[in-house]
Amino acid sequence: MNLPNQLTVSRFFLTGLFLAVMFARFPGHESVALLLFSLAGITDFLDGRIARQRGLITQFGILMDPLADKILTCSAFIAFVGRGLMPAWMVVIIVARELAITGLRLLAASQQVVLGAERFGKHKTISQIVAILSVLTVLSYPQWGAAGEWIFGGRIFGAAWTVHVATVSKWVSVALTLFSGGVYLWRNREIYLKDM
């Protein structure tokens, strides 16, 4: 197994560790969860970059890299529902979109058509990662002492500015998820309308 694929597989293990830590109760577990999610995000950046630079693109990587990304982000959002950090309806929209697009890609593959990522989808992914990191930061910074409180705890309208960033980023993420999913389904409608 080449290095990019090893990094992709490591993201599955990091996702499992992240979920375990999110629901653990040892001191500073939210900070550890933030670190694990950040590390998983770095592997996502590195595996694609290394695969392209070294000519190590494989069918395994093409299939598993986006799957690992979806599992990582959906797991984080579902964990947020479990912790009472995000409304369930928001996460249902996000997970349903990811399942719908994955289903469309599998249907396209059965017709020997490869559907790649689009610009809106990449923006959606970035917005989801920002939302997750911002929520994890809100959870974590009180554990970082005076420096964390000074940098991340400054208050605006009665709450830390990071709380407002997290709230806005969640709404932006849901909006982009809906929009990008709708655009993708519309542009590729011939795939699923062909046999109807």
N, C-alpha and C. Protein backbone atom coordinates (compact mmCIF):
# COMPACT_ATOMS: atom_id res chain seq x y z
N MET A 1 0.85 -1.19 0.00
CA MET A 1 0.00 0.00 0.00
C MET A 1 0.89 1.24 0.00
N ASN A 2 0.65 2.15 -0.95
CA ASN A 2 1.51 3.33 -1.05
C ASN A 2 1.16 4.35 0.05
N LEU A 3 2.01 5.37 0.15
CA LEU A 3 1.87 6.35 1.24
C LEU A 3 0.54 7.09 1.21
N PRO A 4 0.08 7.61 0.07
CA PRO A 4 -1.22 8.30 0.08
C PRO A 4 -2.36 7.41 0.57
N ASN A 5 -2.36 6.14 0.17
CA ASN A 5 -3.41 5.23 0.62
C ASN A 5 -3.28 4.92 2.11
N GLN A 6 -2.05 4.86 2.60
CA GLN A 6 -1.85 4.67 4.04
C GLN A 6 -2.43 5.85 4.82
N LEU A 7 -2.22 7.06 4.29
CA LEU A 7 -2.77 8.24 4.94
C LEU A 7 -4.30 8.21 4.92
N THR A 8 -4.86 7.76 3.80
CA THR A 8 -6.32 7.66 3.70
C THR A 8 -6.86 6.67 4.73
N VAL A 9 -6.24 5.50 4.82
CA VAL A 9 -6.67 4.49 5.80
C VAL A 9 -6.52 5.02 7.22
N SER A 10 -5.44 5.78 7.46
CA SER A 10 -5.23 6.31 8.82
C SER A 10 -6.37 7.23 9.23
N ARG A 11 -7.04 7.86 8.25
CA ARG A 11 -8.15 8.77 8.56
C ARG A 11 -9.33 8.00 9.16
N PHE A 12 -9.53 6.76 8.74
CA PHE A 12 -10.58 5.95 9.35
C PHE A 12 -10.28 5.70 10.84
N PHE A 13 -9.02 5.36 11.13
CA PHE A 13 -8.63 5.12 12.52
C PHE A 13 -8.72 6.40 13.35
N LEU A 14 -8.28 7.52 12.76
CA LEU A 14 -8.37 8.79 13.48
C LEU A 14 -9.82 9.17 13.75
N THR A 15 -10.71 8.85 12.82
CA THR A 15 -12.13 9.13 13.03
C THR A 15 -12.67 8.34 14.22
N GLY A 16 -12.30 7.06 14.31
CA GLY A 16 -12.71 6.25 15.45
C GLY A 16 -12.19 6.78 16.77
N LEU A 17 -10.92 7.19 16.78
CA LEU A 17 -10.33 7.77 17.99
C LEU A 17 -11.01 9.08 18.36
N PHE A 18 -11.27 9.90 17.34
CA PHE A 18 -11.95 11.18 17.56
C PHE A 18 -13.30 10.96 18.24
N LEU A 19 -14.08 10.02 17.73
CA LEU A 19 -15.40 9.76 18.32
C LEU A 19 -15.29 9.27 19.75
N ALA A 20 -14.34 8.38 19.99
CA ALA A 20 -14.15 7.86 21.36
C ALA A 20 -13.81 8.99 22.32
N VAL A 21 -12.93 9.88 21.88
CA VAL A 21 -12.48 10.97 22.74
C VAL A 21 -13.59 11.99 22.95
N MET A 22 -14.42 12.22 21.92
CA MET A 22 -15.52 13.18 22.06
C MET A 22 -16.46 12.81 23.19
N PHE A 23 -16.64 11.52 23.42
CA PHE A 23 -17.59 11.08 24.45
C PHE A 23 -16.88 10.57 25.70
N ALA A 24 -15.56 10.77 25.76
CA ALA A 24 -14.81 10.41 26.96
C ALA A 24 -15.02 11.50 28.02
N ARG A 25 -14.47 11.25 29.20
CA ARG A 25 -14.66 12.22 30.27
C ARG A 25 -13.35 12.50 31.02
N PHE A 26 -12.22 12.34 30.35
CA PHE A 26 -10.96 12.68 31.01
C PHE A 26 -10.67 14.17 30.81
N PRO A 27 -9.89 14.77 31.68
CA PRO A 27 -9.61 16.21 31.58
C PRO A 27 -8.97 16.57 30.24
N GLY A 28 -9.52 17.58 29.60
CA GLY A 28 -8.96 18.06 28.34
C GLY A 28 -9.33 17.22 27.13
N HIS A 29 -10.36 16.38 27.26
CA HIS A 29 -10.68 15.49 26.12
C HIS A 29 -11.14 16.26 24.89
N GLU A 30 -11.79 17.41 25.08
CA GLU A 30 -12.19 18.20 23.91
C GLU A 30 -10.99 18.72 23.13
N SER A 31 -9.93 19.10 23.84
CA SER A 31 -8.72 19.55 23.17
C SER A 31 -8.07 18.42 22.39
N VAL A 32 -8.10 17.22 22.96
CA VAL A 32 -7.56 16.05 22.25
C VAL A 32 -8.40 15.77 21.01
N ALA A 33 -9.72 15.91 21.12
CA ALA A 33 -10.60 15.71 19.97
C ALA A 33 -10.28 16.71 18.86
N LEU A 34 -10.05 17.96 19.25
CA LEU A 34 -9.67 18.99 18.28
C LEU A 34 -8.36 18.62 17.59
N LEU A 35 -7.40 18.15 18.36
CA LEU A 35 -6.11 17.74 17.80
C LEU A 35 -6.28 16.58 16.82
N LEU A 36 -7.08 15.59 17.19
CA LEU A 36 -7.28 14.42 16.32
C LEU A 36 -7.98 14.80 15.02
N PHE A 37 -9.00 15.66 15.13
CA PHE A 37 -9.70 16.08 13.92
C PHE A 37 -8.76 16.88 13.01
N SER A 38 -7.96 17.76 13.60
CA SER A 38 -7.01 18.55 12.82
C SER A 38 -6.00 17.65 12.13
N LEU A 39 -5.52 16.63 12.84
CA LEU A 39 -4.57 15.69 12.26
C LEU A 39 -5.20 14.93 11.09
N ALA A 40 -6.45 14.53 11.26
CA ALA A 40 -7.16 13.84 10.18
C ALA A 40 -7.31 14.76 8.96
N GLY A 41 -7.59 16.03 9.21
CA GLY A 41 -7.70 17.00 8.11
C GLY A 41 -6.38 17.17 7.38
N ILE A 42 -5.28 17.13 8.11
CA ILE A 42 -3.95 17.24 7.49
C ILE A 42 -3.68 16.04 6.60
N THR A 43 -4.08 14.83 7.05
CA THR A 43 -3.87 13.64 6.21
C THR A 43 -4.68 13.75 4.92
N ASP A 44 -5.85 14.37 5.00
CA ASP A 44 -6.67 14.56 3.80
C ASP A 44 -5.95 15.46 2.80
N PHE A 45 -5.33 16.52 3.30
CA PHE A 45 -4.58 17.42 2.41
C PHE A 45 -3.37 16.71 1.82
N LEU A 46 -2.66 15.96 2.65
CA LEU A 46 -1.40 15.36 2.22
C LEU A 46 -1.59 14.20 1.25
N ASP A 47 -2.61 13.35 1.48
CA ASP A 47 -2.71 12.17 0.63
C ASP A 47 -2.96 12.54 -0.83
N GLY A 48 -3.84 13.50 -1.06
CA GLY A 48 -4.09 13.92 -2.43
C GLY A 48 -2.89 14.60 -3.06
N ARG A 49 -2.23 15.45 -2.28
CA ARG A 49 -1.07 16.17 -2.80
C ARG A 49 0.05 15.21 -3.17
N ILE A 50 0.35 14.28 -2.28
CA ILE A 50 1.43 13.32 -2.54
C ILE A 50 1.08 12.42 -3.72
N ALA A 51 -0.18 11.97 -3.79
CA ALA A 51 -0.60 11.10 -4.88
C ALA A 51 -0.42 11.78 -6.23
N ARG A 52 -0.78 13.07 -6.31
CA ARG A 52 -0.64 13.79 -7.57
C ARG A 52 0.82 14.06 -7.92
N GLN A 53 1.61 14.47 -6.93
CA GLN A 53 3.00 14.82 -7.18
C GLN A 53 3.84 13.62 -7.58
N ARG A 54 3.58 12.46 -6.98
CA ARG A 54 4.39 11.27 -7.21
C ARG A 54 3.75 10.29 -8.19
N GLY A 55 2.62 10.65 -8.75
CA GLY A 55 1.96 9.75 -9.70
C GLY A 55 1.48 8.47 -9.04
N LEU A 56 0.94 8.58 -7.83
CA LEU A 56 0.53 7.41 -7.06
C LEU A 56 -0.99 7.31 -6.95
N ILE A 57 -1.69 7.86 -7.91
CA ILE A 57 -3.15 7.80 -7.91
C ILE A 57 -3.59 6.39 -8.24
N THR A 58 -4.43 5.80 -7.38
CA THR A 58 -4.91 4.43 -7.57
C THR A 58 -6.44 4.40 -7.50
N GLN A 59 -7.01 3.30 -7.97
CA GLN A 59 -8.46 3.14 -7.88
C GLN A 59 -8.91 3.11 -6.42
N PHE A 60 -8.08 2.50 -5.56
CA PHE A 60 -8.38 2.47 -4.14
C PHE A 60 -8.47 3.89 -3.59
N GLY A 61 -7.50 4.73 -3.94
CA GLY A 61 -7.49 6.10 -3.45
C GLY A 61 -8.65 6.91 -3.98
N ILE A 62 -8.99 6.71 -5.26
CA ILE A 62 -10.09 7.44 -5.86
C ILE A 62 -11.40 7.13 -5.14
N LEU A 63 -11.57 5.86 -4.73
CA LEU A 63 -12.78 5.46 -4.04
C LEU A 63 -12.77 5.81 -2.56
N MET A 64 -11.67 5.50 -1.89
CA MET A 64 -11.63 5.57 -0.43
C MET A 64 -11.35 6.97 0.12
N ASP A 65 -10.64 7.80 -0.62
CA ASP A 65 -10.32 9.15 -0.11
C ASP A 65 -11.58 9.97 0.14
N PRO A 66 -12.49 10.10 -0.84
CA PRO A 66 -13.71 10.87 -0.54
C PRO A 66 -14.60 10.19 0.50
N LEU A 67 -14.57 8.84 0.53
CA LEU A 67 -15.36 8.13 1.52
C LEU A 67 -14.84 8.42 2.93
N ALA A 68 -13.51 8.41 3.08
CA ALA A 68 -12.91 8.72 4.39
C ALA A 68 -13.27 10.14 4.82
N ASP A 69 -13.28 11.08 3.88
CA ASP A 69 -13.65 12.46 4.19
C ASP A 69 -15.09 12.54 4.71
N LYS A 70 -15.99 11.88 4.00
CA LYS A 70 -17.41 11.93 4.37
C LYS A 70 -17.63 11.29 5.74
N ILE A 71 -16.97 10.18 5.98
CA ILE A 71 -17.13 9.50 7.28
C ILE A 71 -16.60 10.39 8.40
N LEU A 72 -15.47 11.05 8.16
CA LEU A 72 -14.89 11.93 9.17
C LEU A 72 -15.83 13.08 9.50
N THR A 73 -16.29 13.81 8.50
CA THR A 73 -17.12 14.98 8.75
C THR A 73 -18.50 14.59 9.29
N CYS A 74 -19.11 13.56 8.71
CA CYS A 74 -20.44 13.14 9.20
C CYS A 74 -20.35 12.63 10.63
N SER A 75 -19.28 11.92 10.96
CA SER A 75 -19.11 11.43 12.33
C SER A 75 -19.01 12.59 13.31
N ALA A 76 -18.28 13.63 12.91
CA ALA A 76 -18.15 14.80 13.78
C ALA A 76 -19.50 15.47 14.01
N PHE A 77 -20.26 15.66 12.94
CA PHE A 77 -21.56 16.32 13.08
C PHE A 77 -22.53 15.47 13.91
N ILE A 78 -22.52 14.16 13.71
CA ILE A 78 -23.39 13.29 14.50
C ILE A 78 -22.99 13.34 15.97
N ALA A 79 -21.68 13.37 16.23
CA ALA A 79 -21.20 13.51 17.61
C ALA A 79 -21.69 14.81 18.23
N PHE A 80 -21.74 15.87 17.43
CA PHE A 80 -22.23 17.16 17.94
C PHE A 80 -23.70 17.05 18.36
N VAL A 81 -24.49 16.30 17.60
CA VAL A 81 -25.89 16.09 18.00
C VAL A 81 -25.93 15.35 19.32
N GLY A 82 -25.11 14.31 19.44
CA GLY A 82 -25.07 13.54 20.67
C GLY A 82 -24.65 14.35 21.89
N ARG A 83 -23.83 15.36 21.64
CA ARG A 83 -23.38 16.23 22.74
C ARG A 83 -24.27 17.46 22.91
N GLY A 84 -25.31 17.58 22.11
CA GLY A 84 -26.21 18.73 22.21
C GLY A 84 -25.61 20.01 21.67
N LEU A 85 -24.69 19.91 20.73
CA LEU A 85 -23.99 21.07 20.19
C LEU A 85 -24.54 21.55 18.85
N MET A 86 -25.45 20.77 18.28
CA MET A 86 -25.96 21.11 16.95
C MET A 86 -27.34 20.48 16.80
N PRO A 87 -28.30 21.18 16.20
CA PRO A 87 -29.63 20.60 16.02
C PRO A 87 -29.57 19.40 15.09
N ALA A 88 -30.38 18.39 15.39
CA ALA A 88 -30.38 17.16 14.59
C ALA A 88 -30.78 17.43 13.14
N TRP A 89 -31.71 18.38 12.92
CA TRP A 89 -32.17 18.61 11.55
C TRP A 89 -31.05 19.11 10.64
N MET A 90 -30.12 19.89 11.20
CA MET A 90 -28.99 20.34 10.40
C MET A 90 -28.13 19.16 9.95
N VAL A 91 -27.90 18.25 10.87
CA VAL A 91 -27.03 17.11 10.57
C VAL A 91 -27.73 16.14 9.63
N VAL A 92 -29.05 16.01 9.75
CA VAL A 92 -29.79 15.17 8.81
C VAL A 92 -29.61 15.69 7.38
N ILE A 93 -29.67 17.00 7.18
CA ILE A 93 -29.46 17.58 5.86
C ILE A 93 -28.06 17.25 5.34
N ILE A 94 -27.06 17.43 6.20
CA ILE A 94 -25.68 17.18 5.78
C ILE A 94 -25.46 15.72 5.42
N VAL A 95 -25.91 14.81 6.29
CA VAL A 95 -25.69 13.38 6.05
C VAL A 95 -26.50 12.91 4.84
N ALA A 96 -27.74 13.39 4.71
CA ALA A 96 -28.57 12.99 3.57
C ALA A 96 -27.94 13.44 2.26
N ARG A 97 -27.38 14.63 2.24
CA ARG A 97 -26.72 15.11 1.02
C ARG A 97 -25.55 14.22 0.66
N GLU A 98 -24.73 13.87 1.64
CA GLU A 98 -23.56 13.05 1.37
C GLU A 98 -23.97 11.66 0.88
N LEU A 99 -25.01 11.09 1.46
CA LEU A 99 -25.49 9.78 1.01
C LEU A 99 -26.05 9.86 -0.41
N ALA A 100 -26.77 10.93 -0.70
CA ALA A 100 -27.36 11.08 -2.04
C ALA A 100 -26.29 11.20 -3.11
N ILE A 101 -25.26 11.99 -2.84
CA ILE A 101 -24.19 12.18 -3.83
C ILE A 101 -23.37 10.91 -3.97
N THR A 102 -23.12 10.21 -2.87
CA THR A 102 -22.40 8.93 -2.96
C THR A 102 -23.21 7.93 -3.78
N GLY A 103 -24.52 7.89 -3.56
CA GLY A 103 -25.37 7.00 -4.34
C GLY A 103 -25.35 7.35 -5.82
N LEU A 104 -25.38 8.65 -6.12
CA LEU A 104 -25.32 9.08 -7.52
C LEU A 104 -24.01 8.66 -8.17
N ARG A 105 -22.91 8.80 -7.45
CA ARG A 105 -21.61 8.40 -8.01
C ARG A 105 -21.54 6.89 -8.24
N LEU A 106 -22.13 6.11 -7.34
CA LEU A 106 -22.16 4.66 -7.54
C LEU A 106 -23.02 4.30 -8.74
N LEU A 107 -24.15 4.98 -8.89
CA LEU A 107 -25.01 4.75 -10.05
C LEU A 107 -24.27 5.11 -11.34
N ALA A 108 -23.56 6.24 -11.31
CA ALA A 108 -22.78 6.65 -12.48
C ALA A 108 -21.70 5.63 -12.80
N ALA A 109 -21.03 5.12 -11.78
CA ALA A 109 -19.96 4.14 -11.99
C ALA A 109 -20.52 2.87 -12.63
N SER A 110 -21.75 2.49 -12.25
CA SER A 110 -22.37 1.31 -12.85
C SER A 110 -22.65 1.52 -14.34
N GLN A 111 -22.69 2.78 -14.76
CA GLN A 111 -22.89 3.12 -16.17
C GLN A 111 -21.58 3.52 -16.84
N GLN A 112 -20.46 3.20 -16.19
CA GLN A 112 -19.12 3.52 -16.67
C GLN A 112 -18.90 5.03 -16.85
N VAL A 113 -19.49 5.80 -15.94
CA VAL A 113 -19.32 7.25 -15.93
C VAL A 113 -18.66 7.63 -14.61
N VAL A 114 -17.60 8.42 -14.69
CA VAL A 114 -16.92 8.87 -13.48
C VAL A 114 -17.33 10.31 -13.20
N LEU A 115 -17.90 10.54 -12.02
CA LEU A 115 -18.30 11.89 -11.61
C LEU A 115 -17.27 12.43 -10.62
N GLY A 116 -16.60 13.48 -11.00
CA GLY A 116 -15.59 14.07 -10.12
C GLY A 116 -16.21 15.13 -9.22
N ALA A 117 -15.37 15.64 -8.33
CA ALA A 117 -15.81 16.71 -7.44
C ALA A 117 -15.96 18.00 -8.24
N GLU A 118 -16.88 18.86 -7.78
CA GLU A 118 -17.08 20.16 -8.42
C GLU A 118 -16.70 21.27 -7.46
N ARG A 119 -16.58 22.47 -8.01
CA ARG A 119 -16.14 23.62 -7.21
C ARG A 119 -17.04 23.86 -6.00
N PHE A 120 -18.35 23.78 -6.19
CA PHE A 120 -19.26 24.01 -5.07
C PHE A 120 -19.08 22.94 -3.99
N GLY A 121 -18.81 21.72 -4.42
CA GLY A 121 -18.58 20.65 -3.46
C GLY A 121 -17.34 20.89 -2.63
N LYS A 122 -16.32 21.45 -3.24
CA LYS A 122 -15.10 21.75 -2.50
C LYS A 122 -15.34 22.88 -1.49
N HIS A 123 -16.12 23.86 -1.89
CA HIS A 123 -16.48 24.93 -0.95
C HIS A 123 -17.29 24.38 0.22
N LYS A 124 -18.19 23.44 -0.11
CA LYS A 124 -19.00 22.80 0.93
C LYS A 124 -18.12 22.08 1.94
N THR A 125 -17.14 21.34 1.44
CA THR A 125 -16.24 20.60 2.33
C THR A 125 -15.46 21.54 3.23
N ILE A 126 -14.96 22.63 2.66
CA ILE A 126 -14.22 23.61 3.46
C ILE A 126 -15.12 24.20 4.53
N SER A 127 -16.36 24.52 4.17
CA SER A 127 -17.29 25.12 5.15
C SER A 127 -17.60 24.13 6.27
N GLN A 128 -17.71 22.86 5.94
CA GLN A 128 -17.97 21.85 6.97
C GLN A 128 -16.79 21.73 7.93
N ILE A 129 -15.59 21.72 7.39
CA ILE A 129 -14.39 21.61 8.23
C ILE A 129 -14.26 22.83 9.13
N VAL A 130 -14.52 24.01 8.58
CA VAL A 130 -14.47 25.24 9.39
C VAL A 130 -15.50 25.17 10.52
N ALA A 131 -16.71 24.70 10.20
CA ALA A 131 -17.76 24.59 11.22
C ALA A 131 -17.34 23.64 12.34
N ILE A 132 -16.80 22.51 11.96
CA ILE A 132 -16.38 21.51 12.96
C ILE A 132 -15.24 22.05 13.82
N LEU A 133 -14.25 22.65 13.19
CA LEU A 133 -13.12 23.20 13.95
C LEU A 133 -13.56 24.33 14.87
N SER A 134 -14.50 25.15 14.41
CA SER A 134 -14.96 26.26 15.26
C SER A 134 -15.72 25.76 16.47
N VAL A 135 -16.56 24.73 16.29
CA VAL A 135 -17.28 24.16 17.43
C VAL A 135 -16.30 23.52 18.41
N LEU A 136 -15.33 22.78 17.89
CA LEU A 136 -14.33 22.13 18.75
C LEU A 136 -13.49 23.17 19.49
N THR A 137 -13.22 24.30 18.85
CA THR A 137 -12.46 25.36 19.51
C THR A 137 -13.25 25.96 20.66
N VAL A 138 -14.55 26.18 20.44
CA VAL A 138 -15.40 26.70 21.52
C VAL A 138 -15.39 25.76 22.72
N LEU A 139 -15.42 24.46 22.44
CA LEU A 139 -15.38 23.48 23.53
C LEU A 139 -14.03 23.47 24.24
N SER A 140 -12.97 23.70 23.48
CA SER A 140 -11.61 23.45 23.98
C SER A 140 -10.94 24.63 24.67
N TYR A 141 -11.19 25.85 24.19
CA TYR A 141 -10.35 26.95 24.65
C TYR A 141 -10.41 27.21 26.17
N PRO A 142 -11.53 26.90 26.86
CA PRO A 142 -11.50 27.10 28.31
C PRO A 142 -10.46 26.22 29.02
N GLN A 143 -10.00 25.17 28.34
CA GLN A 143 -9.00 24.27 28.92
C GLN A 143 -7.58 24.78 28.71
N TRP A 144 -7.43 25.88 27.99
CA TRP A 144 -6.09 26.36 27.63
C TRP A 144 -5.59 27.47 28.54
N GLY A 145 -6.29 27.70 29.63
CA GLY A 145 -5.83 28.68 30.61
C GLY A 145 -6.11 30.11 30.20
N ALA A 146 -5.35 31.02 30.77
CA ALA A 146 -5.57 32.45 30.56
C ALA A 146 -5.34 32.84 29.11
N ALA A 147 -4.35 32.23 28.47
CA ALA A 147 -4.06 32.58 27.07
C ALA A 147 -5.24 32.20 26.17
N GLY A 148 -5.81 31.02 26.41
CA GLY A 148 -6.97 30.60 25.61
C GLY A 148 -8.15 31.52 25.82
N GLU A 149 -8.38 31.91 27.06
CA GLU A 149 -9.48 32.81 27.36
C GLU A 149 -9.26 34.18 26.74
N TRP A 150 -8.03 34.65 26.75
CA TRP A 150 -7.72 35.97 26.21
C TRP A 150 -7.89 36.00 24.69
N ILE A 151 -7.43 34.93 24.01
CA ILE A 151 -7.47 34.91 22.54
C ILE A 151 -8.86 34.56 22.03
N PHE A 152 -9.48 33.54 22.63
CA PHE A 152 -10.72 33.00 22.07
C PHE A 152 -11.97 33.35 22.86
N GLY A 153 -11.81 33.95 24.03
CA GLY A 153 -12.97 34.18 24.89
C GLY A 153 -13.48 35.61 24.92
N GLY A 154 -12.89 36.49 24.08
CA GLY A 154 -13.36 37.87 24.04
C GLY A 154 -14.84 37.95 23.73
N ARG A 155 -15.58 38.76 24.47
CA ARG A 155 -17.03 38.74 24.38
C ARG A 155 -17.58 39.81 23.43
N ILE A 156 -18.55 39.38 22.65
CA ILE A 156 -19.31 40.25 21.76
C ILE A 156 -20.78 39.87 21.92
N PHE A 157 -21.62 40.86 22.23
CA PHE A 157 -23.05 40.62 22.44
C PHE A 157 -23.29 39.52 23.48
N GLY A 158 -22.51 39.56 24.54
CA GLY A 158 -22.74 38.67 25.67
C GLY A 158 -22.17 37.28 25.57
N ALA A 159 -21.50 36.95 24.47
CA ALA A 159 -20.90 35.62 24.32
C ALA A 159 -19.53 35.74 23.68
N ALA A 160 -18.71 34.72 23.86
CA ALA A 160 -17.38 34.72 23.25
C ALA A 160 -17.52 34.83 21.74
N TRP A 161 -16.58 35.57 21.12
CA TRP A 161 -16.68 35.76 19.67
C TRP A 161 -16.61 34.43 18.93
N THR A 162 -15.92 33.45 19.50
CA THR A 162 -15.83 32.15 18.85
C THR A 162 -17.18 31.43 18.82
N VAL A 163 -18.04 31.72 19.78
CA VAL A 163 -19.39 31.13 19.77
C VAL A 163 -20.17 31.65 18.57
N HIS A 164 -20.06 32.96 18.31
CA HIS A 164 -20.74 33.53 17.14
C HIS A 164 -20.19 32.97 15.84
N VAL A 165 -18.86 32.81 15.77
CA VAL A 165 -18.24 32.22 14.58
C VAL A 165 -18.75 30.81 14.36
N ALA A 166 -18.83 30.03 15.43
CA ALA A 166 -19.31 28.65 15.32
C ALA A 166 -20.75 28.61 14.84
N THR A 167 -21.59 29.50 15.37
CA THR A 167 -23.01 29.54 14.96
C THR A 167 -23.14 29.88 13.48
N VAL A 168 -22.44 30.92 13.05
CA VAL A 168 -22.51 31.33 11.64
C VAL A 168 -21.96 30.24 10.74
N SER A 169 -20.85 29.63 11.13
CA SER A 169 -20.23 28.60 10.29
C SER A 169 -21.13 27.38 10.14
N LYS A 170 -21.89 27.04 11.17
CA LYS A 170 -22.82 25.91 11.05
C LYS A 170 -23.91 26.22 10.03
N TRP A 171 -24.47 27.43 10.08
CA TRP A 171 -25.51 27.80 9.13
C TRP A 171 -24.96 27.87 7.70
N VAL A 172 -23.76 28.43 7.55
CA VAL A 172 -23.15 28.50 6.21
C VAL A 172 -22.90 27.09 5.67
N SER A 173 -22.43 26.21 6.54
CA SER A 173 -22.16 24.83 6.13
C SER A 173 -23.43 24.14 5.64
N VAL A 174 -24.53 24.30 6.38
CA VAL A 174 -25.79 23.68 5.97
C VAL A 174 -26.27 24.27 4.66
N ALA A 175 -26.18 25.59 4.51
CA ALA A 175 -26.64 26.25 3.28
C ALA A 175 -25.83 25.77 2.08
N LEU A 176 -24.49 25.73 2.21
CA LEU A 176 -23.65 25.28 1.10
C LEU A 176 -23.85 23.80 0.81
N THR A 177 -24.11 23.02 1.85
CA THR A 177 -24.37 21.60 1.65
C THR A 177 -25.62 21.40 0.81
N LEU A 178 -26.69 22.12 1.16
CA LEU A 178 -27.94 22.03 0.38
C LEU A 178 -27.74 22.52 -1.05
N PHE A 179 -27.11 23.68 -1.20
CA PHE A 179 -26.94 24.27 -2.52
C PHE A 179 -26.06 23.41 -3.41
N SER A 180 -24.90 22.98 -2.89
CA SER A 180 -23.98 22.20 -3.72
C SER A 180 -24.60 20.85 -4.09
N GLY A 181 -25.35 20.25 -3.16
CA GLY A 181 -26.02 18.99 -3.47
C GLY A 181 -27.06 19.16 -4.56
N GLY A 182 -27.85 20.23 -4.47
CA GLY A 182 -28.85 20.50 -5.49
C GLY A 182 -28.23 20.73 -6.85
N VAL A 183 -27.15 21.51 -6.90
CA VAL A 183 -26.46 21.78 -8.17
C VAL A 183 -25.91 20.49 -8.76
N TYR A 184 -25.30 19.66 -7.93
CA TYR A 184 -24.69 18.42 -8.40
C TYR A 184 -25.74 17.46 -8.95
N LEU A 185 -26.86 17.34 -8.23
CA LEU A 185 -27.94 16.46 -8.70
C LEU A 185 -28.56 16.98 -9.99
N TRP A 186 -28.70 18.29 -10.11
CA TRP A 186 -29.29 18.86 -11.32
C TRP A 186 -28.37 18.68 -12.52
N ARG A 187 -27.09 18.97 -12.35
CA ARG A 187 -26.15 18.87 -13.47
C ARG A 187 -25.97 17.44 -13.96
N ASN A 188 -26.19 16.48 -13.10
CA ASN A 188 -25.99 15.08 -13.47
C ASN A 188 -27.31 14.30 -13.50
N ARG A 189 -28.40 15.02 -13.75
CA ARG A 189 -29.72 14.41 -13.67
C ARG A 189 -29.92 13.31 -14.71
N GLU A 190 -29.18 13.36 -15.84
CA GLU A 190 -29.35 12.32 -16.86
C GLU A 190 -28.93 10.95 -16.34
N ILE A 191 -28.07 10.93 -15.31
CA ILE A 191 -27.61 9.65 -14.75
C ILE A 191 -28.77 8.91 -14.09
N TYR A 192 -29.55 9.62 -13.27
CA TYR A 192 -30.62 8.94 -12.53
C TYR A 192 -31.98 9.01 -13.23
N LEU A 193 -32.11 9.84 -14.28
CA LEU A 193 -33.37 9.91 -15.01
C LEU A 193 -33.40 8.93 -16.19
N LYS A 194 -32.24 8.37 -16.52
CA LYS A 194 -32.12 7.55 -17.72
C LYS A 194 -33.08 6.36 -17.71
N ASP A 195 -33.18 5.68 -16.57
CA ASP A 195 -34.00 4.46 -16.52
C ASP A 195 -35.35 4.66 -15.84
N MET A 196 -35.75 5.88 -15.64
CA MET A 196 -37.03 6.12 -14.96
C MET A 196 -38.20 5.99 -15.94
